[in-house]
N, C-alpha and C. Protein backbone atom coordinates (compact mmCIF):
# COMPACT_ATOMS: atom_id res chain seq x y z
N MET A 1 26.73 -11.26 -19.83
CA MET A 1 25.73 -12.52 -18.73
C MET A 1 25.20 -14.06 -19.83
N ALA A 2 25.50 -14.62 -19.81
CA ALA A 2 24.37 -15.53 -20.53
C ALA A 2 24.20 -16.49 -19.41
N LEU A 3 22.37 -16.62 -19.55
CA LEU A 3 21.95 -17.58 -18.36
C LEU A 3 20.77 -18.55 -18.89
N GLU A 4 21.17 -19.88 -18.65
CA GLU A 4 20.50 -20.89 -19.08
C GLU A 4 19.24 -20.54 -18.41
N ILE A 5 17.95 -20.88 -19.14
CA ILE A 5 16.94 -20.67 -18.64
C ILE A 5 16.39 -22.12 -18.14
N GLN A 6 15.76 -22.37 -17.07
CA GLN A 6 15.16 -23.15 -16.75
C GLN A 6 13.79 -22.28 -15.36
N ASN A 7 12.45 -23.51 -15.73
CA ASN A 7 11.87 -23.10 -13.94
C ASN A 7 12.05 -24.32 -13.17
N ALA A 8 12.30 -23.43 -11.38
CA ALA A 8 12.44 -24.34 -10.77
C ALA A 8 11.04 -24.10 -9.77
N ASP A 9 10.34 -24.46 -9.79
CA ASP A 9 9.25 -24.79 -9.08
C ASP A 9 9.35 -26.19 -7.97
N LEU A 10 9.20 -25.39 -6.99
CA LEU A 10 9.65 -26.07 -5.75
C LEU A 10 8.44 -25.75 -4.90
N ALA A 11 8.09 -26.87 -4.19
CA ALA A 11 6.96 -27.29 -3.14
C ALA A 11 7.59 -28.20 -1.92
N LYS A 12 7.09 -27.94 -0.51
CA LYS A 12 8.03 -28.78 0.58
C LYS A 12 9.29 -28.79 0.39
N VAL A 13 10.29 -28.07 -0.16
CA VAL A 13 11.55 -28.27 0.26
C VAL A 13 11.80 -27.28 0.98
N ASP A 14 13.50 -27.68 1.42
CA ASP A 14 14.09 -27.12 2.34
C ASP A 14 15.24 -26.53 1.66
N ILE A 15 15.68 -24.78 1.05
CA ILE A 15 16.87 -24.93 0.32
C ILE A 15 17.83 -23.84 1.44
N SER A 16 17.37 -24.10 2.63
CA SER A 16 18.27 -23.14 3.35
C SER A 16 19.71 -23.08 2.70
N ARG A 17 20.45 -22.32 3.58
CA ARG A 17 22.19 -21.56 3.37
C ARG A 17 22.20 -22.18 1.55
N SER A 18 20.84 -21.81 0.74
CA SER A 18 21.00 -21.74 -0.97
C SER A 18 21.66 -20.21 -1.29
N LYS A 19 22.56 -20.30 -1.90
CA LYS A 19 23.25 -19.04 -2.52
C LYS A 19 23.12 -18.91 -4.11
N TRP A 20 22.67 -17.54 -4.21
CA TRP A 20 22.18 -17.43 -5.65
C TRP A 20 23.18 -16.04 -6.18
N GLU A 21 23.97 -16.44 -6.92
CA GLU A 21 25.05 -15.48 -7.75
C GLU A 21 24.28 -15.07 -9.17
N GLU A 22 24.05 -13.41 -9.93
CA GLU A 22 23.62 -13.65 -11.26
C GLU A 22 23.08 -14.48 -11.66
N VAL A 23 21.52 -14.22 -10.84
CA VAL A 23 20.40 -15.08 -11.20
C VAL A 23 18.94 -13.86 -11.60
N ASN A 24 18.49 -14.21 -12.80
CA ASN A 24 17.21 -13.63 -12.85
C ASN A 24 16.36 -14.45 -12.57
N ALA A 25 15.72 -13.60 -11.42
CA ALA A 25 14.17 -14.40 -10.89
C ALA A 25 13.25 -13.18 -10.66
N GLN A 26 13.16 -12.76 -12.02
CA GLN A 26 11.80 -11.79 -11.90
C GLN A 26 10.50 -12.72 -12.00
N GLU A 27 9.25 -11.93 -12.03
CA GLU A 27 7.78 -12.52 -11.52
C GLU A 27 7.86 -13.69 -10.65
N MET A 28 8.54 -13.98 -10.07
CA MET A 28 9.08 -14.97 -9.36
C MET A 28 7.38 -14.99 -8.47
N SER A 29 6.66 -16.15 -7.58
CA SER A 29 5.75 -16.11 -6.85
C SER A 29 5.86 -16.94 -6.11
N ILE A 30 6.25 -15.97 -4.46
CA ILE A 30 6.48 -16.82 -3.79
C ILE A 30 5.50 -16.94 -2.08
N ASP A 31 5.04 -17.91 -1.84
CA ASP A 31 3.94 -18.01 -1.11
C ASP A 31 4.25 -18.88 0.34
N ASN A 32 3.77 -18.42 1.39
CA ASN A 32 4.25 -18.95 3.03
C ASN A 32 5.25 -19.72 2.63
N VAL A 33 6.60 -19.15 2.60
CA VAL A 33 7.61 -19.43 2.49
C VAL A 33 8.32 -18.85 3.57
N SER A 34 9.58 -19.03 4.53
CA SER A 34 10.17 -18.35 5.54
C SER A 34 12.01 -17.85 4.75
N LEU A 35 11.60 -16.54 4.69
CA LEU A 35 13.18 -16.07 4.54
C LEU A 35 13.83 -15.53 5.57
N ALA A 36 13.44 -15.75 7.09
CA ALA A 36 13.86 -15.22 7.97
C ALA A 36 15.34 -15.20 7.98
N ARG A 37 16.17 -14.08 8.33
CA ARG A 37 18.07 -14.16 8.26
C ARG A 37 17.94 -13.88 7.11
N THR A 38 17.51 -13.76 5.50
CA THR A 38 18.17 -13.87 4.81
C THR A 38 18.60 -12.12 4.09
N LYS A 39 20.11 -12.62 3.42
CA LYS A 39 20.34 -11.44 3.47
C LYS A 39 20.43 -11.12 1.51
N LEU A 40 20.14 -9.81 1.71
CA LEU A 40 19.91 -9.36 -0.05
C LEU A 40 20.53 -8.16 -0.54
N HIS A 41 21.60 -8.45 -1.23
CA HIS A 41 22.47 -7.04 -1.20
C HIS A 41 22.79 -6.73 -3.02
N ASN A 42 22.34 -5.48 -3.27
CA ASN A 42 21.83 -5.10 -4.96
C ASN A 42 21.13 -5.72 -5.78
N VAL A 43 20.32 -6.14 -4.85
CA VAL A 43 18.93 -6.41 -5.33
C VAL A 43 18.30 -5.55 -6.19
N ASP A 44 17.66 -5.48 -7.41
CA ASP A 44 16.55 -4.46 -7.71
C ASP A 44 15.22 -5.57 -7.62
N MET A 45 14.63 -4.88 -6.49
CA MET A 45 13.05 -5.24 -6.25
C MET A 45 12.10 -4.16 -7.13
N SER A 46 12.48 -3.17 -7.91
CA SER A 46 11.25 -2.60 -8.34
C SER A 46 9.93 -3.18 -8.72
N GLU A 47 9.12 -2.82 -7.54
CA GLU A 47 7.40 -2.98 -8.36
C GLU A 47 7.28 -4.48 -7.59
N LEU A 48 7.78 -4.60 -6.77
CA LEU A 48 7.96 -5.74 -5.49
C LEU A 48 6.69 -5.07 -4.79
N ASP A 49 5.88 -6.27 -4.58
CA ASP A 49 4.24 -6.71 -4.00
C ASP A 49 4.79 -7.50 -3.00
N ILE A 50 4.40 -6.58 -1.68
CA ILE A 50 4.69 -7.50 -0.27
C ILE A 50 3.53 -7.29 0.74
N ASN A 51 2.75 -8.69 1.08
CA ASN A 51 1.54 -8.50 1.13
C ASN A 51 1.40 -9.16 3.00
N ASP A 52 1.50 -8.73 3.51
CA ASP A 52 1.27 -9.95 4.89
C ASP A 52 2.64 -10.63 5.69
N VAL A 53 3.31 -9.72 5.31
CA VAL A 53 4.65 -9.97 5.69
C VAL A 53 5.21 -9.73 6.74
N ASN A 54 5.61 -10.63 7.91
CA ASN A 54 6.70 -10.34 8.86
C ASN A 54 8.48 -9.52 9.02
N LEU A 55 8.35 -7.81 8.58
CA LEU A 55 9.64 -7.46 8.79
C LEU A 55 9.74 -6.85 9.81
N SER A 56 9.53 -7.17 11.09
CA SER A 56 10.37 -6.81 12.17
C SER A 56 11.91 -6.89 12.38
N GLY A 57 12.57 -5.76 12.86
CA GLY A 57 14.24 -6.05 13.10
C GLY A 57 14.52 -5.90 11.74
N THR A 58 14.06 -5.37 10.76
CA THR A 58 14.64 -5.63 9.49
C THR A 58 15.47 -4.28 9.28
N THR A 59 16.66 -4.21 8.23
CA THR A 59 16.88 -2.81 8.45
C THR A 59 17.51 -2.77 6.85
N ILE A 60 16.79 -1.48 6.18
CA ILE A 60 16.86 -1.21 5.14
C ILE A 60 17.80 0.03 4.91
N GLN A 61 18.92 -0.22 4.15
CA GLN A 61 19.97 0.77 3.72
C GLN A 61 20.14 1.10 2.77
N HIS A 62 20.60 2.20 2.34
CA HIS A 62 21.32 2.70 0.98
C HIS A 62 19.97 2.07 0.06
N THR A 63 18.78 2.45 0.22
CA THR A 63 17.72 1.70 -0.94
C THR A 63 17.33 3.00 -1.04
N ASN A 64 17.00 3.16 -2.43
CA ASN A 64 15.90 4.24 -3.25
C ASN A 64 14.31 3.66 -2.68
N PHE A 65 13.46 4.24 -2.33
CA PHE A 65 12.36 3.98 -1.51
C PHE A 65 11.02 4.69 -2.71
N SER A 66 11.80 5.64 -3.40
CA SER A 66 10.85 6.82 -4.54
C SER A 66 9.55 6.01 -4.45
N HIS A 67 8.44 7.16 -4.61
CA HIS A 67 7.28 6.58 -4.77
C HIS A 67 6.78 5.36 -4.23
N ALA A 68 7.12 4.97 -3.15
CA ALA A 68 6.67 3.53 -2.70
C ALA A 68 5.52 4.17 -1.67
N LEU A 69 4.65 3.01 -1.50
CA LEU A 69 3.21 2.76 -0.75
C LEU A 69 3.10 2.11 0.69
N LEU A 70 3.43 2.51 1.48
CA LEU A 70 3.36 2.24 3.07
C LEU A 70 1.96 1.95 3.20
N ASP A 71 1.09 0.83 3.46
CA ASP A 71 -0.45 1.41 3.63
C ASP A 71 -0.86 0.05 5.25
N HIS A 72 -1.84 0.23 6.37
CA HIS A 72 -1.55 -0.07 7.51
C HIS A 72 0.10 -1.01 7.80
N ILE A 73 0.98 -0.09 8.07
CA ILE A 73 1.84 -0.61 8.32
C ILE A 73 1.90 -0.01 10.59
N HIS A 74 2.57 -1.14 11.05
CA HIS A 74 3.01 -0.87 12.49
C HIS A 74 4.62 -0.54 12.49
N LEU A 75 4.48 0.97 13.01
CA LEU A 75 6.00 1.30 13.04
C LEU A 75 6.55 1.39 14.52
N TYR A 76 5.70 1.67 15.55
CA TYR A 76 6.27 1.91 16.87
C TYR A 76 7.63 1.58 17.18
N GLY A 77 8.44 1.96 17.50
CA GLY A 77 9.84 2.00 17.71
C GLY A 77 10.77 2.18 16.24
N THR A 78 10.39 2.35 14.96
CA THR A 78 10.79 2.19 14.20
C THR A 78 11.55 3.83 13.97
N GLU A 79 12.96 3.56 13.38
CA GLU A 79 13.66 4.71 13.04
C GLU A 79 13.97 5.52 11.88
N PHE A 80 13.85 6.77 11.19
CA PHE A 80 14.59 7.38 10.08
C PHE A 80 15.53 7.81 10.23
N LYS A 81 16.54 7.63 9.73
CA LYS A 81 17.68 8.75 9.43
C LYS A 81 18.65 8.66 8.11
N HIS A 82 18.56 10.01 8.03
CA HIS A 82 19.52 9.84 6.81
C HIS A 82 18.57 10.42 5.57
N ILE A 83 17.33 10.46 5.96
CA ILE A 83 16.58 10.42 4.67
C ILE A 83 16.58 11.42 3.85
N VAL A 84 16.80 11.53 2.40
CA VAL A 84 17.39 12.98 1.78
C VAL A 84 16.77 12.40 0.22
N LEU A 85 16.25 13.57 -0.36
CA LEU A 85 16.00 13.64 -1.30
C LEU A 85 17.06 13.43 -2.54
N PRO A 86 17.10 12.71 -3.76
CA PRO A 86 18.24 12.47 -5.05
C PRO A 86 19.50 13.86 -5.02
N MET A 87 20.17 13.36 -4.87
CA MET A 87 21.58 14.21 -5.05
C MET A 87 21.82 14.45 -6.80
N LYS A 88 22.74 15.76 -7.03
CA LYS A 88 23.20 15.98 -7.89
C LYS A 88 24.02 14.91 -8.75
N GLY A 89 24.11 14.00 -9.67
CA GLY A 89 24.53 12.92 -10.61
C GLY A 89 23.85 11.73 -10.33
N GLU A 90 22.73 11.47 -9.16
CA GLU A 90 22.10 10.37 -8.95
C GLU A 90 21.22 10.31 -10.49
N HIS A 91 21.08 9.18 -10.90
CA HIS A 91 20.01 9.28 -12.02
C HIS A 91 18.50 9.69 -11.92
N ASN A 92 17.88 10.36 -10.69
CA ASN A 92 16.64 10.26 -10.63
C ASN A 92 16.85 11.82 -9.84
N TYR A 93 18.10 12.70 -10.19
CA TYR A 93 18.05 13.76 -9.62
C TYR A 93 17.13 14.97 -10.18
N ASN A 94 16.42 15.80 -9.77
CA ASN A 94 15.91 16.94 -10.76
C ASN A 94 16.58 18.14 -10.42
N PRO A 95 17.01 19.12 -11.34
CA PRO A 95 17.85 19.93 -10.19
C PRO A 95 16.96 21.44 -10.08
N GLU A 96 15.55 21.39 -10.42
CA GLU A 96 14.69 22.53 -10.07
C GLU A 96 14.31 21.96 -8.80
N GLY A 97 14.23 20.43 -8.80
CA GLY A 97 13.91 19.91 -6.84
C GLY A 97 12.41 19.74 -7.03
N ASN A 98 11.64 19.41 -8.14
CA ASN A 98 10.21 19.06 -8.35
C ASN A 98 10.09 17.83 -8.14
N TYR A 99 9.43 17.33 -7.15
CA TYR A 99 9.09 16.22 -6.70
C TYR A 99 7.98 15.64 -5.72
N LYS A 100 7.78 14.29 -6.33
CA LYS A 100 6.32 14.35 -5.46
C LYS A 100 6.26 14.44 -4.01
N PRO A 101 5.44 14.95 -2.87
CA PRO A 101 5.43 15.23 -2.10
C PRO A 101 5.92 13.99 -0.90
N ILE A 102 6.12 14.21 0.09
CA ILE A 102 5.77 12.95 0.75
C ILE A 102 4.90 12.96 1.43
N SER A 103 4.21 12.18 1.61
CA SER A 103 2.80 12.42 2.73
C SER A 103 2.29 11.52 3.44
N PHE A 104 2.00 11.83 4.57
CA PHE A 104 1.62 10.71 5.97
C PHE A 104 0.22 10.91 5.79
N GLN A 105 -0.81 10.32 5.91
CA GLN A 105 -1.96 10.61 5.70
C GLN A 105 -3.01 9.48 6.62
N ASP A 106 -4.14 10.00 7.53
CA ASP A 106 -4.51 9.03 9.05
C ASP A 106 -3.60 8.35 9.29
N CYS A 107 -2.48 8.93 10.45
CA CYS A 107 -1.46 8.86 10.94
C CYS A 107 -1.37 9.02 12.64
N ASP A 108 -1.10 7.76 13.33
CA ASP A 108 -0.86 8.31 14.57
C ASP A 108 0.68 8.74 14.90
N LEU A 109 0.95 9.65 14.71
CA LEU A 109 2.53 10.03 14.96
C LEU A 109 2.72 10.51 16.07
N SER A 110 1.70 10.42 17.00
CA SER A 110 1.96 11.23 18.63
C SER A 110 3.49 10.58 19.22
N LYS A 111 3.65 11.56 19.74
CA LYS A 111 5.08 11.46 20.55
C LYS A 111 6.20 11.15 19.63
N THR A 112 5.66 11.37 18.86
CA THR A 112 7.25 11.48 17.22
C THR A 112 7.80 11.87 17.39
N GLN A 113 9.67 12.12 17.47
CA GLN A 113 10.29 13.42 17.10
C GLN A 113 10.84 13.67 16.29
N LEU A 114 10.93 14.57 15.76
CA LEU A 114 11.47 14.65 14.57
C LEU A 114 13.10 16.24 14.84
N LYS A 115 14.22 15.61 15.13
CA LYS A 115 15.47 16.23 14.81
C LYS A 115 16.40 16.35 13.92
N ASN A 116 16.60 17.64 14.06
CA ASN A 116 17.72 18.04 12.97
C ASN A 116 16.81 18.03 11.28
N CYS A 117 15.52 18.04 11.30
CA CYS A 117 15.07 17.66 9.76
C CYS A 117 14.82 19.39 9.37
N ASN A 118 14.46 18.90 7.84
CA ASN A 118 14.46 20.21 7.22
C ASN A 118 12.67 20.50 6.98
N LEU A 119 12.18 20.90 7.11
CA LEU A 119 10.86 21.34 7.74
C LEU A 119 9.91 21.93 6.38
N SER A 120 11.19 22.95 5.93
CA SER A 120 10.87 23.88 4.77
C SER A 120 9.42 23.68 3.96
N ASN A 121 8.73 24.61 3.84
CA ASN A 121 7.31 24.46 3.04
C ASN A 121 6.69 23.06 3.15
N MET A 122 6.98 22.56 4.50
CA MET A 122 6.10 21.90 5.08
C MET A 122 4.40 22.71 5.30
N GLU A 123 3.48 21.14 5.09
CA GLU A 123 2.06 21.81 5.21
C GLU A 123 1.45 20.82 5.84
N ILE A 124 0.73 21.11 7.20
CA ILE A 124 0.53 20.58 7.98
C ILE A 124 -1.86 20.86 8.12
N THR A 125 -2.10 19.80 8.11
CA THR A 125 -4.11 20.12 7.61
C THR A 125 -4.52 19.11 8.43
N ASP A 126 -5.43 19.55 9.02
CA ASP A 126 -6.55 19.27 9.38
C ASP A 126 -5.79 18.09 10.60
N CYS A 127 -5.24 18.33 11.26
CA CYS A 127 -4.52 17.55 12.18
C CYS A 127 -4.46 17.99 13.76
N ASP A 128 -4.67 17.11 14.80
CA ASP A 128 -4.85 16.93 16.26
C ASP A 128 -3.29 17.62 16.61
N ILE A 129 -3.11 18.82 16.97
CA ILE A 129 -1.14 19.65 17.57
C ILE A 129 -1.63 20.01 18.83
N SER A 130 -2.20 18.96 19.75
CA SER A 130 -2.39 19.68 21.13
C SER A 130 -1.00 18.96 21.74
N GLY A 131 -0.56 19.54 22.24
CA GLY A 131 0.66 19.18 23.18
C GLY A 131 2.56 19.41 21.83
N LEU A 132 1.91 19.82 20.76
CA LEU A 132 2.45 19.94 19.64
C LEU A 132 3.71 21.28 19.82
N THR A 133 4.98 21.08 20.14
CA THR A 133 6.14 22.20 20.53
C THR A 133 6.87 22.07 19.64
N ILE A 134 7.54 22.67 19.02
CA ILE A 134 8.03 23.16 18.01
C ILE A 134 9.79 24.09 18.89
N ASN A 135 10.81 23.69 18.81
CA ASN A 135 11.93 24.34 19.84
C ASN A 135 11.69 24.69 21.05
N GLY A 136 10.42 24.02 21.77
CA GLY A 136 10.25 24.38 22.86
C GLY A 136 8.55 25.37 22.94
N ILE A 137 8.44 25.77 21.94
CA ILE A 137 7.36 26.72 21.97
C ILE A 137 6.12 26.12 21.65
N GLU A 138 4.79 25.85 22.45
CA GLU A 138 3.91 24.68 22.21
C GLU A 138 2.71 25.90 21.22
N ILE A 139 2.75 25.50 19.91
CA ILE A 139 2.34 25.65 18.74
C ILE A 139 0.47 26.03 18.87
N GLU A 140 0.04 25.31 19.56
CA GLU A 140 -1.05 25.15 19.75
C GLU A 140 -1.83 26.45 20.39
N GLU A 141 -1.32 26.93 21.79
CA GLU A 141 -1.08 28.10 22.83
C GLU A 141 -0.56 29.50 21.19
N LEU A 142 0.46 29.49 20.54
CA LEU A 142 1.06 30.33 20.01
C LEU A 142 -0.14 30.67 18.75
N ILE A 143 -0.59 29.62 18.65
CA ILE A 143 -1.64 29.90 17.47
C ILE A 143 -2.81 30.50 18.11
N LYS A 144 -3.32 30.26 19.22
CA LYS A 144 -4.59 30.61 19.84
C LYS A 144 -4.16 31.89 20.57
N GLY A 145 -2.79 31.94 20.47
CA GLY A 145 -2.80 33.79 21.26
C GLY A 145 -2.68 34.95 19.83
N LYS A 146 -2.94 34.65 18.69
CA LYS A 146 -3.10 35.31 17.66
C LYS A 146 -3.99 36.59 17.60
């Protein structure tokens, strides 16, 4: 793909309903811009830095979110479905299963529901487990009964 190189410095311009195809737009700086109802498909957004952004109602599907950092995020009502590790044949697959652990720190996960999840080798440390039940068994009472 041969691309014409040009800078497009836009200020106070309405480019609503614009269409970009086969565009290299690396290292752009976008500030105080509305991208509401924008659709992004087959886009490389690796190392994207998003700060002070409203993503409410956003749908993210079929996305490689490996090594992402989510910090100071409001997640109430958020659903996580079909979260998987890389599968054989994918470029980041590790046959030994040696992946950096998924980590939650300083989170309020009260009233969270985990259903049909693989929690093998999961470690819970320094957490308030009052009211925590697994398959109907109250874990705090089970631990106290030791």
